[in-house]
PDB file of all heavy atoms in Angstrom:
ATOM      1  N   VAL A   1      21.322 -36.735  36.529  1.00  0.00           N
ATOM      2  CA  VAL A   1      20.718 -37.750  37.384  1.00  0.00           C
ATOM      3  C   VAL A   1      19.958 -37.008  38.493  1.00  0.00           C
ATOM      4  O   VAL A   1      20.512 -36.141  39.144  1.00  0.00           O
ATOM      5  CB  VAL A   1      21.796 -38.668  37.991  1.00  0.00           C
ATOM      6  CG1 VAL A   1      21.171 -39.683  38.924  1.00  0.00           C
ATOM      7  CG2 VAL A   1      22.573 -39.349  36.886  1.00  0.00           C
ATOM      8  N   GLY A   2      18.696 -37.364  38.729  1.00  0.00           N
ATOM      9  CA  GLY A   2      17.911 -36.719  39.782  1.00  0.00           C
ATOM     10  C   GLY A   2      16.495 -36.463  39.344  1.00  0.00           C
ATOM     11  O   GLY A   2      16.024 -36.971  38.332  1.00  0.00           O
ATOM     12  N   ILE A   3      15.808 -35.640  40.168  1.00  0.00           N
ATOM     13  CA  ILE A   3      14.410 -35.322  39.904  1.00  0.00           C
ATOM     14  C   ILE A   3      14.344 -33.882  39.440  1.00  0.00           C
ATOM     15  O   ILE A   3      14.846 -32.973  40.106  1.00  0.00           O
ATOM     16  CB  ILE A   3      13.565 -35.528  41.179  1.00  0.00           C
ATOM     17  CG1 ILE A   3      13.668 -36.969  41.647  1.00  0.00           C
ATOM     18  CG2 ILE A   3      12.110 -35.162  40.929  1.00  0.00           C
ATOM     19  CD1 ILE A   3      13.006 -37.220  42.975  1.00  0.00           C
ATOM     20  N   TYR A   4      13.700 -33.669  38.294  1.00  0.00           N
ATOM     21  CA  TYR A   4      13.605 -32.327  37.736  1.00  0.00           C
ATOM     22  C   TYR A   4      12.183 -32.057  37.294  1.00  0.00           C
ATOM     23  O   TYR A   4      11.373 -32.967  37.132  1.00  0.00           O
ATOM     24  CB  TYR A   4      14.560 -32.183  36.531  1.00  0.00           C
ATOM     25  CG  TYR A   4      16.003 -32.253  36.931  1.00  0.00           C
ATOM     26  CD1 TYR A   4      16.706 -33.440  36.836  1.00  0.00           C
ATOM     27  CD2 TYR A   4      16.646 -31.125  37.436  1.00  0.00           C
ATOM     28  CE1 TYR A   4      18.019 -33.497  37.235  1.00  0.00           C
ATOM     29  CE2 TYR A   4      17.962 -31.185  37.833  1.00  0.00           C
ATOM     30  CZ  TYR A   4      18.647 -32.377  37.726  1.00  0.00           C
ATOM     31  OH  TYR A   4      19.941 -32.434  38.118  1.00  0.00           O
ATOM     32  N   GLY A   5      11.850 -30.800  37.172  1.00  0.00           N
ATOM     33  CA  GLY A   5      10.563 -30.400  36.633  1.00  0.00           C
ATOM     34  C   GLY A   5       9.452 -30.459  37.677  1.00  0.00           C
ATOM     35  O   GLY A   5       9.643 -30.122  38.842  1.00  0.00           O
ATOM     36  N   TRP A   6       8.277 -30.867  37.238  1.00  0.00           N
ATOM     37  CA  TRP A   6       7.096 -30.876  38.112  1.00  0.00           C
ATOM     38  C   TRP A   6       7.254 -31.877  39.253  1.00  0.00           C
ATOM     39  O   TRP A   6       6.696 -31.684  40.316  1.00  0.00           O
ATOM     40  CB  TRP A   6       5.829 -31.147  37.305  1.00  0.00           C
ATOM     41  CG  TRP A   6       5.783 -32.517  36.666  1.00  0.00           C
ATOM     42  CD1 TRP A   6       6.259 -32.881  35.456  1.00  0.00           C
ATOM     43  CD2 TRP A   6       5.227 -33.685  37.268  1.00  0.00           C
ATOM     44  NE1 TRP A   6       6.061 -34.214  35.250  1.00  0.00           N
ATOM     45  CE2 TRP A   6       5.414 -34.739  36.343  1.00  0.00           C
ATOM     46  CE3 TRP A   6       4.608 -33.962  38.475  1.00  0.00           C
ATOM     47  CZ2 TRP A   6       4.994 -36.029  36.596  1.00  0.00           C
ATOM     48  CZ3 TRP A   6       4.178 -35.244  38.714  1.00  0.00           C
ATOM     49  CH2 TRP A   6       4.375 -36.276  37.777  1.00  0.00           C
ATOM     50  N   ARG A   7       8.021 -32.957  39.051  1.00  0.00           N
ATOM     51  CA  ARG A   7       8.242 -33.925  40.134  1.00  0.00           C
ATOM     52  C   ARG A   7       9.013 -33.281  41.283  1.00  0.00           C
ATOM     53  O   ARG A   7       8.725 -33.530  42.455  1.00  0.00           O
ATOM     54  CB  ARG A   7       8.994 -35.132  39.595  1.00  0.00           C
ATOM     55  CG  ARG A   7       8.198 -35.957  38.626  1.00  0.00           C
ATOM     56  CD  ARG A   7       9.001 -37.178  38.187  1.00  0.00           C
ATOM     57  NE  ARG A   7       8.327 -37.866  37.132  1.00  0.00           N
ATOM     58  CZ  ARG A   7       8.727 -37.909  35.865  1.00  0.00           C
ATOM     59  NH1 ARG A   7       9.839 -37.273  35.524  1.00  0.00           N
ATOM     60  NH2 ARG A   7       8.037 -38.543  34.966  1.00  0.00           N
ATOM     61  N   LYS A   8      10.000 -32.461  40.924  1.00  0.00           N
ATOM     62  CA  LYS A   8      10.785 -31.782  41.942  1.00  0.00           C
ATOM     63  C   LYS A   8       9.925 -30.788  42.718  1.00  0.00           C
ATOM     64  O   LYS A   8      10.011 -30.700  43.947  1.00  0.00           O
ATOM     65  CB  LYS A   8      11.959 -31.066  41.274  1.00  0.00           C
ATOM     66  CG  LYS A   8      12.940 -30.457  42.229  1.00  0.00           C
ATOM     67  CD  LYS A   8      14.104 -29.870  41.432  1.00  0.00           C
ATOM     68  CE  LYS A   8      15.189 -29.359  42.322  1.00  0.00           C
ATOM     69  NZ  LYS A   8      16.300 -28.816  41.546  1.00  0.00           N
ATOM     70  N   ARG A   9       9.051 -30.067  42.041  1.00  0.00           N
ATOM     71  CA  ARG A   9       8.171 -29.126  42.707  1.00  0.00           C
ATOM     72  C   ARG A   9       7.196 -29.845  43.650  1.00  0.00           C
ATOM     73  O   ARG A   9       6.936 -29.374  44.764  1.00  0.00           O
ATOM     74  CB  ARG A   9       7.406 -28.305  41.676  1.00  0.00           C
ATOM     75  CG  ARG A   9       8.273 -27.314  40.952  1.00  0.00           C
ATOM     76  CD  ARG A   9       7.446 -26.395  40.053  1.00  0.00           C
ATOM     77  NE  ARG A   9       8.329 -25.656  39.172  1.00  0.00           N
ATOM     78  CZ  ARG A   9       8.498 -25.894  37.889  1.00  0.00           C
ATOM     79  NH1 ARG A   9       7.828 -26.865  37.305  1.00  0.00           N
ATOM     80  NH2 ARG A   9       9.330 -25.170  37.182  1.00  0.00           N
ATOM     81  N   CYS A  10       6.645 -30.973  43.226  1.00  0.00           N
ATOM     82  CA  CYS A  10       5.737 -31.756  44.091  1.00  0.00           C
ATOM     83  C   CYS A  10       6.474 -32.280  45.317  1.00  0.00           C
ATOM     84  O   CYS A  10       5.929 -32.276  46.431  1.00  0.00           O
ATOM     85  CB  CYS A  10       5.129 -32.923  43.309  1.00  0.00           C
ATOM     86  SG  CYS A  10       3.855 -32.415  42.157  1.00  0.00           S
ATOM     87  N   LEU A  11       7.698 -32.743  45.129  1.00  0.00           N
ATOM     88  CA  LEU A  11       8.484 -33.224  46.269  1.00  0.00           C
ATOM     89  C   LEU A  11       8.733 -32.095  47.266  1.00  0.00           C
ATOM     90  O   LEU A  11       8.556 -32.293  48.473  1.00  0.00           O
ATOM     91  CB  LEU A  11       9.807 -33.817  45.780  1.00  0.00           C
ATOM     92  CG  LEU A  11      10.730 -34.363  46.864  1.00  0.00           C
ATOM     93  CD1 LEU A  11      10.085 -35.559  47.547  1.00  0.00           C
ATOM     94  CD2 LEU A  11      12.074 -34.725  46.283  1.00  0.00           C
ATOM     95  N   TYR A  12       9.101 -30.916  46.796  1.00  0.00           N
ATOM     96  CA  TYR A  12       9.308 -29.785  47.687  1.00  0.00           C
ATOM     97  C   TYR A  12       8.007 -29.388  48.393  1.00  0.00           C
ATOM     98  O   TYR A  12       8.000 -29.032  49.578  1.00  0.00           O
ATOM     99  CB  TYR A  12       9.872 -28.588  46.921  1.00  0.00           C
ATOM    100  CG  TYR A  12      11.335 -28.711  46.564  1.00  0.00           C
ATOM    101  CD1 TYR A  12      11.868 -28.045  45.471  1.00  0.00           C
ATOM    102  CD2 TYR A  12      12.189 -29.497  47.323  1.00  0.00           C
ATOM    103  CE1 TYR A  12      13.200 -28.159  45.146  1.00  0.00           C
ATOM    104  CE2 TYR A  12      13.530 -29.621  47.005  1.00  0.00           C
ATOM    105  CZ  TYR A  12      14.027 -28.954  45.913  1.00  0.00           C
ATOM    106  OH  TYR A  12      15.341 -29.073  45.608  1.00  0.00           O
ATOM    107  N   PHE A  13       6.878 -29.444  47.681  1.00  0.00           N
ATOM    108  CA  PHE A  13       5.589 -29.128  48.287  1.00  0.00           C
ATOM    109  C   PHE A  13       5.258 -30.107  49.416  1.00  0.00           C
ATOM    110  O   PHE A  13       4.825 -29.694  50.493  1.00  0.00           O
ATOM    111  CB  PHE A  13       4.495 -29.144  47.211  1.00  0.00           C
ATOM    112  CG  PHE A  13       3.114 -28.998  47.771  1.00  0.00           C
ATOM    113  CD1 PHE A  13       2.665 -27.767  48.245  1.00  0.00           C
ATOM    114  CD2 PHE A  13       2.265 -30.095  47.846  1.00  0.00           C
ATOM    115  CE1 PHE A  13       1.394 -27.639  48.778  1.00  0.00           C
ATOM    116  CE2 PHE A  13       0.999 -29.968  48.379  1.00  0.00           C
ATOM    117  CZ  PHE A  13       0.562 -28.739  48.834  1.00  0.00           C
ATOM    118  N   PHE A  14       5.472 -31.390  49.183  1.00  0.00           N
ATOM    119  CA  PHE A  14       5.169 -32.380  50.218  1.00  0.00           C
ATOM    120  C   PHE A  14       6.110 -32.264  51.421  1.00  0.00           C
ATOM    121  O   PHE A  14       5.699 -32.432  52.566  1.00  0.00           O
ATOM    122  CB  PHE A  14       5.206 -33.796  49.651  1.00  0.00           C
ATOM    123  CG  PHE A  14       4.015 -34.125  48.799  1.00  0.00           C
ATOM    124  CD1 PHE A  14       4.179 -34.604  47.515  1.00  0.00           C
ATOM    125  CD2 PHE A  14       2.732 -33.933  49.284  1.00  0.00           C
ATOM    126  CE1 PHE A  14       3.083 -34.900  46.734  1.00  0.00           C
ATOM    127  CE2 PHE A  14       1.625 -34.228  48.509  1.00  0.00           C
ATOM    128  CZ  PHE A  14       1.801 -34.718  47.222  1.00  0.00           C
ATOM    129  N   VAL A  15       7.372 -31.934  51.186  1.00  0.00           N
ATOM    130  CA  VAL A  15       8.309 -31.715  52.299  1.00  0.00           C
ATOM    131  C   VAL A  15       7.886 -30.484  53.101  1.00  0.00           C
ATOM    132  O   VAL A  15       7.888 -30.498  54.340  1.00  0.00           O
ATOM    133  CB  VAL A  15       9.756 -31.582  51.778  1.00  0.00           C
ATOM    134  CG1 VAL A  15      10.687 -31.079  52.863  1.00  0.00           C
ATOM    135  CG2 VAL A  15      10.246 -32.913  51.236  1.00  0.00           C
ATOM    136  N   LEU A  16       7.481 -29.418  52.411  1.00  0.00           N
ATOM    137  CA  LEU A  16       7.009 -28.210  53.093  1.00  0.00           C
ATOM    138  C   LEU A  16       5.724 -28.488  53.873  1.00  0.00           C
ATOM    139  O   LEU A  16       5.572 -28.047  55.017  1.00  0.00           O
ATOM    140  CB  LEU A  16       6.792 -27.089  52.077  1.00  0.00           C
ATOM    141  CG  LEU A  16       6.360 -25.748  52.647  1.00  0.00           C
ATOM    142  CD1 LEU A  16       7.461 -25.161  53.515  1.00  0.00           C
ATOM    143  CD2 LEU A  16       5.992 -24.794  51.520  1.00  0.00           C
ATOM    144  N   LEU A  17       4.796 -29.262  53.304  1.00  0.00           N
ATOM    145  CA  LEU A  17       3.554 -29.630  53.986  1.00  0.00           C
ATOM    146  C   LEU A  17       3.843 -30.473  55.227  1.00  0.00           C
ATOM    147  O   LEU A  17       3.253 -30.268  56.291  1.00  0.00           O
ATOM    148  CB  LEU A  17       2.639 -30.391  53.023  1.00  0.00           C
ATOM    149  CG  LEU A  17       1.264 -30.780  53.560  1.00  0.00           C
ATOM    150  CD1 LEU A  17       0.436 -29.531  53.806  1.00  0.00           C
ATOM    151  CD2 LEU A  17       0.575 -31.709  52.589  1.00  0.00           C
ATOM    152  N   LEU A  18       4.784 -31.405  55.128  1.00  0.00           N
ATOM    153  CA  LEU A  18       5.182 -32.225  56.278  1.00  0.00           C
ATOM    154  C   LEU A  18       5.798 -31.353  57.373  1.00  0.00           C
ATOM    155  O   LEU A  18       5.497 -31.531  58.557  1.00  0.00           O
ATOM    156  CB  LEU A  18       6.166 -33.305  55.841  1.00  0.00           C
ATOM    157  CG  LEU A  18       6.665 -34.241  56.923  1.00  0.00           C
ATOM    158  CD1 LEU A  18       5.516 -35.065  57.485  1.00  0.00           C
ATOM    159  CD2 LEU A  18       7.747 -35.148  56.366  1.00  0.00           C
ATOM    160  N   LEU A  19       6.620 -30.388  57.010  1.00  0.00           N
ATOM    161  CA  LEU A  19       7.242 -29.491  57.983  1.00  0.00           C
ATOM    162  C   LEU A  19       6.185 -28.638  58.692  1.00  0.00           C
ATOM    163  O   LEU A  19       6.224 -28.497  59.914  1.00  0.00           O
ATOM    164  CB  LEU A  19       8.273 -28.599  57.276  1.00  0.00           C
ATOM    165  CG  LEU A  19       9.055 -27.641  58.166  1.00  0.00           C
ATOM    166  CD1 LEU A  19       9.940 -28.418  59.123  1.00  0.00           C
ATOM    167  CD2 LEU A  19       9.864 -26.690  57.317  1.00  0.00           C
ATOM    168  N   VAL A  20       5.225 -28.103  57.953  1.00  0.00           N
ATOM    169  CA  VAL A  20       4.159 -27.299  58.565  1.00  0.00           C
ATOM    170  C   VAL A  20       3.323 -28.167  59.498  1.00  0.00           C
ATOM    171  O   VAL A  20       2.962 -27.747  60.612  1.00  0.00           O
ATOM    172  CB  VAL A  20       3.290 -26.640  57.466  1.00  0.00           C
ATOM    173  CG1 VAL A  20       2.016 -26.052  58.040  1.00  0.00           C
ATOM    174  CG2 VAL A  20       4.083 -25.584  56.732  1.00  0.00           C
ATOM    175  N   THR A  21       2.998 -29.381  59.095  1.00  0.00           N
ATOM    176  CA  THR A  21       2.223 -30.299  59.943  1.00  0.00           C
ATOM    177  C   THR A  21       2.968 -30.613  61.230  1.00  0.00           C
ATOM    178  O   THR A  21       2.369 -30.645  62.315  1.00  0.00           O
ATOM    179  CB  THR A  21       1.911 -31.599  59.173  1.00  0.00           C
ATOM    180  OG1 THR A  21       1.258 -31.276  57.950  1.00  0.00           O
ATOM    181  CG2 THR A  21       1.023 -32.514  59.993  1.00  0.00           C
ATOM    182  N   MET A  22       4.263 -30.838  61.161  1.00  0.00           N
ATOM    183  CA  MET A  22       5.053 -31.125  62.358  1.00  0.00           C
ATOM    184  C   MET A  22       5.075 -29.925  63.295  1.00  0.00           C
ATOM    185  O   MET A  22       4.949 -30.071  64.515  1.00  0.00           O
ATOM    186  CB  MET A  22       6.487 -31.528  61.974  1.00  0.00           C
ATOM    187  CG  MET A  22       6.578 -32.917  61.411  1.00  0.00           C
ATOM    188  SD  MET A  22       8.211 -33.443  60.834  1.00  0.00           S
ATOM    189  CE  MET A  22       9.344 -32.414  61.622  1.00  0.00           C
ATOM    190  N   ILE A  23       5.208 -28.710  62.757  1.00  0.00           N
ATOM    191  CA  ILE A  23       5.243 -27.516  63.594  1.00  0.00           C
ATOM    192  C   ILE A  23       3.894 -27.299  64.271  1.00  0.00           C
ATOM    193  O   ILE A  23       3.826 -27.002  65.472  1.00  0.00           O
ATOM    194  CB  ILE A  23       5.664 -26.289  62.757  1.00  0.00           C
ATOM    195  CG1 ILE A  23       7.148 -26.411  62.371  1.00  0.00           C
ATOM    196  CG2 ILE A  23       5.422 -24.989  63.514  1.00  0.00           C
ATOM    197  CD1 ILE A  23       7.608 -25.372  61.382  1.00  0.00           C
ATOM    198  N   VAL A  24       2.792 -27.484  63.539  1.00  0.00           N
ATOM    199  CA  VAL A  24       1.463 -27.338  64.136  1.00  0.00           C
ATOM    200  C   VAL A  24       1.237 -28.404  65.207  1.00  0.00           C
ATOM    201  O   VAL A  24       0.702 -28.123  66.282  1.00  0.00           O
ATOM    202  CB  VAL A  24       0.369 -27.404  63.044  1.00  0.00           C
ATOM    203  CG1 VAL A  24      -1.021 -27.547  63.648  1.00  0.00           C
ATOM    204  CG2 VAL A  24       0.437 -26.178  62.158  1.00  0.00           C
ATOM    205  N   ASN A  25       1.669 -29.633  64.945  1.00  0.00           N
ATOM    206  CA  ASN A  25       1.526 -30.719  65.922  1.00  0.00           C
ATOM    207  C   ASN A  25       2.315 -30.406  67.198  1.00  0.00           C
ATOM    208  O   ASN A  25       1.811 -30.592  68.313  1.00  0.00           O
ATOM    209  CB  ASN A  25       2.000 -32.023  65.302  1.00  0.00           C
ATOM    210  CG  ASN A  25       1.664 -33.226  66.149  1.00  0.00           C
ATOM    211  OD1 ASN A  25       0.961 -33.125  67.142  1.00  0.00           O
ATOM    212  ND2 ASN A  25       2.197 -34.368  65.768  1.00  0.00           N
ATOM    213  N   LEU A  26       3.518 -29.923  67.071  1.00  0.00           N
ATOM    214  CA  LEU A  26       4.334 -29.564  68.230  1.00  0.00           C
ATOM    215  C   LEU A  26       3.700 -28.405  69.005  1.00  0.00           C
ATOM    216  O   LEU A  26       3.633 -28.437  70.243  1.00  0.00           O
ATOM    217  CB  LEU A  26       5.745 -29.203  67.791  1.00  0.00           C
ATOM    218  CG  LEU A  26       6.729 -28.831  68.890  1.00  0.00           C
ATOM    219  CD1 LEU A  26       6.966 -30.032  69.802  1.00  0.00           C
ATOM    220  CD2 LEU A  26       8.032 -28.349  68.308  1.00  0.00           C
ATOM    221  N   ALA A  27       3.190 -27.410  68.290  1.00  0.00           N
ATOM    222  CA  ALA A  27       2.541 -26.273  68.964  1.00  0.00           C
ATOM    223  C   ALA A  27       1.285 -26.720  69.702  1.00  0.00           C
ATOM    224  O   ALA A  27       1.041 -26.298  70.834  1.00  0.00           O
ATOM    225  CB  ALA A  27       2.201 -25.192  67.936  1.00  0.00           C
ATOM    226  N   MET A  28       0.477 -27.589  69.103  1.00  0.00           N
ATOM    227  CA  MET A  28      -0.729 -28.093  69.768  1.00  0.00           C
ATOM    228  C   MET A  28      -0.371 -28.928  70.997  1.00  0.00           C
ATOM    229  O   MET A  28      -1.045 -28.847  72.029  1.00  0.00           O
ATOM    230  CB  MET A  28      -1.568 -28.928  68.794  1.00  0.00           C
ATOM    231  CG  MET A  28      -2.198 -28.126  67.682  1.00  0.00           C
ATOM    232  SD  MET A  28      -3.451 -27.014  68.276  1.00  0.00           S
ATOM    233  CE  MET A  28      -4.764 -28.149  68.577  1.00  0.00           C
ATOM    234  N   THR A  29       0.679 -29.727  70.918  1.00  0.00           N
ATOM    235  CA  THR A  29       1.104 -30.530  72.067  1.00  0.00           C
ATOM    236  C   THR A  29       1.552 -29.638  73.216  1.00  0.00           C
ATOM    237  O   THR A  29       1.167 -29.858  74.370  1.00  0.00           O
ATOM    238  CB  THR A  29       2.243 -31.481  71.651  1.00  0.00           C
ATOM    239  OG1 THR A  29       1.798 -32.294  70.570  1.00  0.00           O
ATOM    240  CG2 THR A  29       2.675 -32.348  72.808  1.00  0.00           C
ATOM    241  N   ILE A  30       2.328 -28.612  72.925  1.00  0.00           N
ATOM    242  CA  ILE A  30       2.776 -27.682  73.971  1.00  0.00           C
ATOM    243  C   ILE A  30       1.581 -26.939  74.563  1.00  0.00           C
ATOM    244  O   ILE A  30       1.489 -26.755  75.769  1.00  0.00           O
ATOM    245  CB  ILE A  30       3.835 -26.717  73.401  1.00  0.00           C
ATOM    246  CG1 ILE A  30       5.119 -27.488  73.092  1.00  0.00           C
ATOM    247  CG2 ILE A  30       4.106 -25.572  74.363  1.00  0.00           C
ATOM    248  CD1 ILE A  30       6.151 -26.697  72.343  1.00  0.00           C
ATOM    249  N   TRP A  31       0.624 -26.539  73.722  1.00  0.00           N
ATOM    250  CA  TRP A  31      -0.563 -25.841  74.205  1.00  0.00           C
ATOM    251  C   TRP A  31      -1.390 -26.750  75.127  1.00  0.00           C
ATOM    252  O   TRP A  31      -1.838 -26.314  76.186  1.00  0.00           O
ATOM    253  CB  TRP A  31      -1.397 -25.384  73.018  1.00  0.00           C
ATOM    254  CG  TRP A  31      -2.656 -24.690  73.412  1.00  0.00           C
ATOM    255  CD1 TRP A  31      -2.777 -23.436  73.930  1.00  0.00           C
ATOM    256  CD2 TRP A  31      -3.977 -25.229  73.353  1.00  0.00           C
ATOM    257  NE1 TRP A  31      -4.100 -23.162  74.177  1.00  0.00           N
ATOM    258  CE2 TRP A  31      -4.860 -24.240  73.834  1.00  0.00           C
ATOM    259  CE3 TRP A  31      -4.499 -26.442  72.916  1.00  0.00           C
ATOM    260  CZ2 TRP A  31      -6.228 -24.452  73.902  1.00  0.00           C
ATOM    261  CZ3 TRP A  31      -5.856 -26.645  72.977  1.00  0.00           C
ATOM    262  CH2 TRP A  31      -6.704 -25.650  73.477  1.00  0.00           C
ATOM    263  N   ILE A  32      -1.576 -28.012  74.759  1.00  0.00           N
ATOM    264  CA  ILE A  32      -2.335 -28.948  75.596  1.00  0.00           C
ATOM    265  C   ILE A  32      -1.619 -29.165  76.927  1.00  0.00           C
ATOM    266  O   ILE A  32      -2.245 -29.199  77.986  1.00  0.00           O
ATOM    267  CB  ILE A  32      -2.569 -30.287  74.852  1.00  0.00           C
ATOM    268  CG1 ILE A  32      -3.588 -30.081  73.734  1.00  0.00           C
ATOM    269  CG2 ILE A  32      -3.041 -31.376  75.802  1.00  0.00           C
ATOM    270  CD1 ILE A  32      -3.757 -31.262  72.833  1.00  0.00           C
ATOM    271  N   LEU A  33      -0.303 -29.316  76.898  1.00  0.00           N
ATOM    272  CA  LEU A  33       0.452 -29.485  78.137  1.00  0.00           C
ATOM    273  C   LEU A  33       0.302 -28.267  79.046  1.00  0.00           C
ATOM    274  O   LEU A  33       0.179 -28.396  80.263  1.00  0.00           O
ATOM    275  CB  LEU A  33       1.927 -29.722  77.834  1.00  0.00           C
ATOM    276  CG  LEU A  33       2.290 -31.061  77.205  1.00  0.00           C
ATOM    277  CD1 LEU A  33       3.767 -31.082  76.837  1.00  0.00           C
ATOM    278  CD2 LEU A  33       1.966 -32.204  78.132  1.00  0.00           C
ATOM    279  N   LYS A  34       0.275 -27.080  78.461  1.00  0.00           N
ATOM    280  CA  LYS A  34       0.138 -25.858  79.258  1.00  0.00           C
ATOM    281  C   LYS A  34      -1.278 -25.708  79.804  1.00  0.00           C
ATOM    282  O   LYS A  34      -1.462 -25.376  80.972  1.00  0.00           O
ATOM    283  CB  LYS A  34       0.530 -24.650  78.414  1.00  0.00           C
ATOM    284  CG  LYS A  34       0.533 -23.357  79.184  1.00  0.00           C
ATOM    285  CD  LYS A  34       1.171 -22.273  78.351  1.00  0.00           C
ATOM    286  CE  LYS A  34       1.167 -20.949  79.047  1.00  0.00           C
ATOM    287  NZ  LYS A  34       1.954 -20.904  80.228  1.00  0.00           N
ATOM    288  N   VAL A  35      -2.285 -25.948  78.984  1.00  0.00           N
ATOM    289  CA  VAL A  35      -3.670 -25.787  79.412  1.00  0.00           C
ATOM    290  C   VAL A  35      -4.054 -26.826  80.470  1.00  0.00           C
ATOM    291  O   VAL A  35      -4.722 -26.513  81.454  1.00  0.00           O
ATOM    292  CB  VAL A  35      -4.627 -25.871  78.193  1.00  0.00           C
ATOM    293  CG1 VAL A  35      -6.066 -26.006  78.627  1.00  0.00           C
ATOM    294  CG2 VAL A  35      -4.455 -24.645  77.315  1.00  0.00           C
ATOM    295  N   MET A  36      -3.619 -28.064  80.302  1.00  0.00           N
ATOM    296  CA  MET A  36      -3.957 -29.122  81.249  1.00  0.00           C
ATOM    297  C   MET A  36      -3.051 -29.105  82.475  1.00  0.00           C
ATOM    298  O   MET A  36      -3.234 -29.901  83.385  1.00  0.00           O
ATOM    299  CB  MET A  36      -3.851 -30.499  80.567  1.00  0.00           C
ATOM    300  CG  MET A  36      -4.838 -30.699  79.439  1.00  0.00           C
ATOM    301  SD  MET A  36      -6.535 -30.600  79.961  1.00  0.00           S
ATOM    302  CE  MET A  36      -6.687 -32.103  80.857  1.00  0.00           C
ATOM    303  N   ASN A  37      -2.084 -28.216  82.505  1.00  0.00           N
ATOM    304  CA  ASN A  37      -1.183 -28.049  83.643  1.00  0.00           C
ATOM    305  C   ASN A  37      -0.417 -29.335  83.953  1.00  0.00           C
ATOM    306  O   ASN A  37      -0.343 -29.778  85.092  1.00  0.00           O
ATOM    307  CB  ASN A  37      -1.966 -27.547  84.863  1.00  0.00           C
ATOM    308  CG  ASN A  37      -1.055 -26.965  85.918  1.00  0.00           C
ATOM    309  OD1 ASN A  37       0.131 -26.765  85.675  1.00  0.00           O
ATOM    310  ND2 ASN A  37      -1.599 -26.702  87.080  1.00  0.00           N
ATOM    311  N   PHE A  38       0.119 -29.959  82.931  1.00  0.00           N
ATOM    312  CA  PHE A  38       0.949 -31.147  83.112  1.00  0.00           C
ATOM    313  C   PHE A  38       2.265 -30.745  83.752  1.00  0.00           C
ATOM    314  O   PHE A  38       2.891 -29.765  83.362  1.00  0.00           O
ATOM    315  CB  PHE A  38       1.271 -31.813  81.767  1.00  0.00           C
ATOM    316  CG  PHE A  38       0.215 -32.737  81.279  1.00  0.00           C
ATOM    317  CD1 PHE A  38      -0.654 -32.348  80.285  1.00  0.00           C
ATOM    318  CD2 PHE A  38       0.093 -34.005  81.809  1.00  0.00           C
ATOM    319  CE1 PHE A  38      -1.617 -33.196  79.821  1.00  0.00           C
ATOM    320  CE2 PHE A  38      -0.873 -34.857  81.348  1.00  0.00           C
ATOM    321  CZ  PHE A  38      -1.735 -34.454  80.351  1.00  0.00           C
ATOM    322  N   THR A  39       2.672 -31.508  84.769  1.00  0.00           N
ATOM    323  CA  THR A  39       3.978 -31.316  85.376  1.00  0.00           C
ATOM    324  C   THR A  39       4.608 -32.684  85.574  1.00  0.00           C
ATOM    325  O   THR A  39       4.004 -33.704  85.262  1.00  0.00           O
ATOM    326  CB  THR A  39       3.864 -30.595  86.739  1.00  0.00           C
ATOM    327  OG1 THR A  39       3.078 -31.410  87.619  1.00  0.00           O
ATOM    328  CG2 THR A  39       3.226 -29.230  86.607  1.00  0.00           C
ATOM    329  N   VAL A  40       5.792 -32.703  86.126  1.00  0.00           N
ATOM    330  CA  VAL A  40       6.459 -33.968  86.418  1.00  0.00           C
ATOM    331  C   VAL A  40       5.720 -34.722  87.519  1.00  0.00           C
ATOM    332  O   VAL A  40       5.678 -35.942  87.539  1.00  0.00           O
ATOM    333  CB  VAL A  40       7.926 -33.701  86.831  1.00  0.00           C
ATOM    334  CG1 VAL A  40       8.637 -34.980  87.205  1.00  0.00           C
ATOM    335  CG2 VAL A  40       8.670 -32.994  85.703  1.00  0.00           C
TER     336      VAL A  40
END
């Protein structure tokens, strides 16, 4: 029972793509906060 073969590889690829997108988004947000000198 489960996902095997090419479906499993596609699922792992999309999870990895989502993780990379989240890391880039977080890095860009921190960079914008630093460049624009956001404070409390």
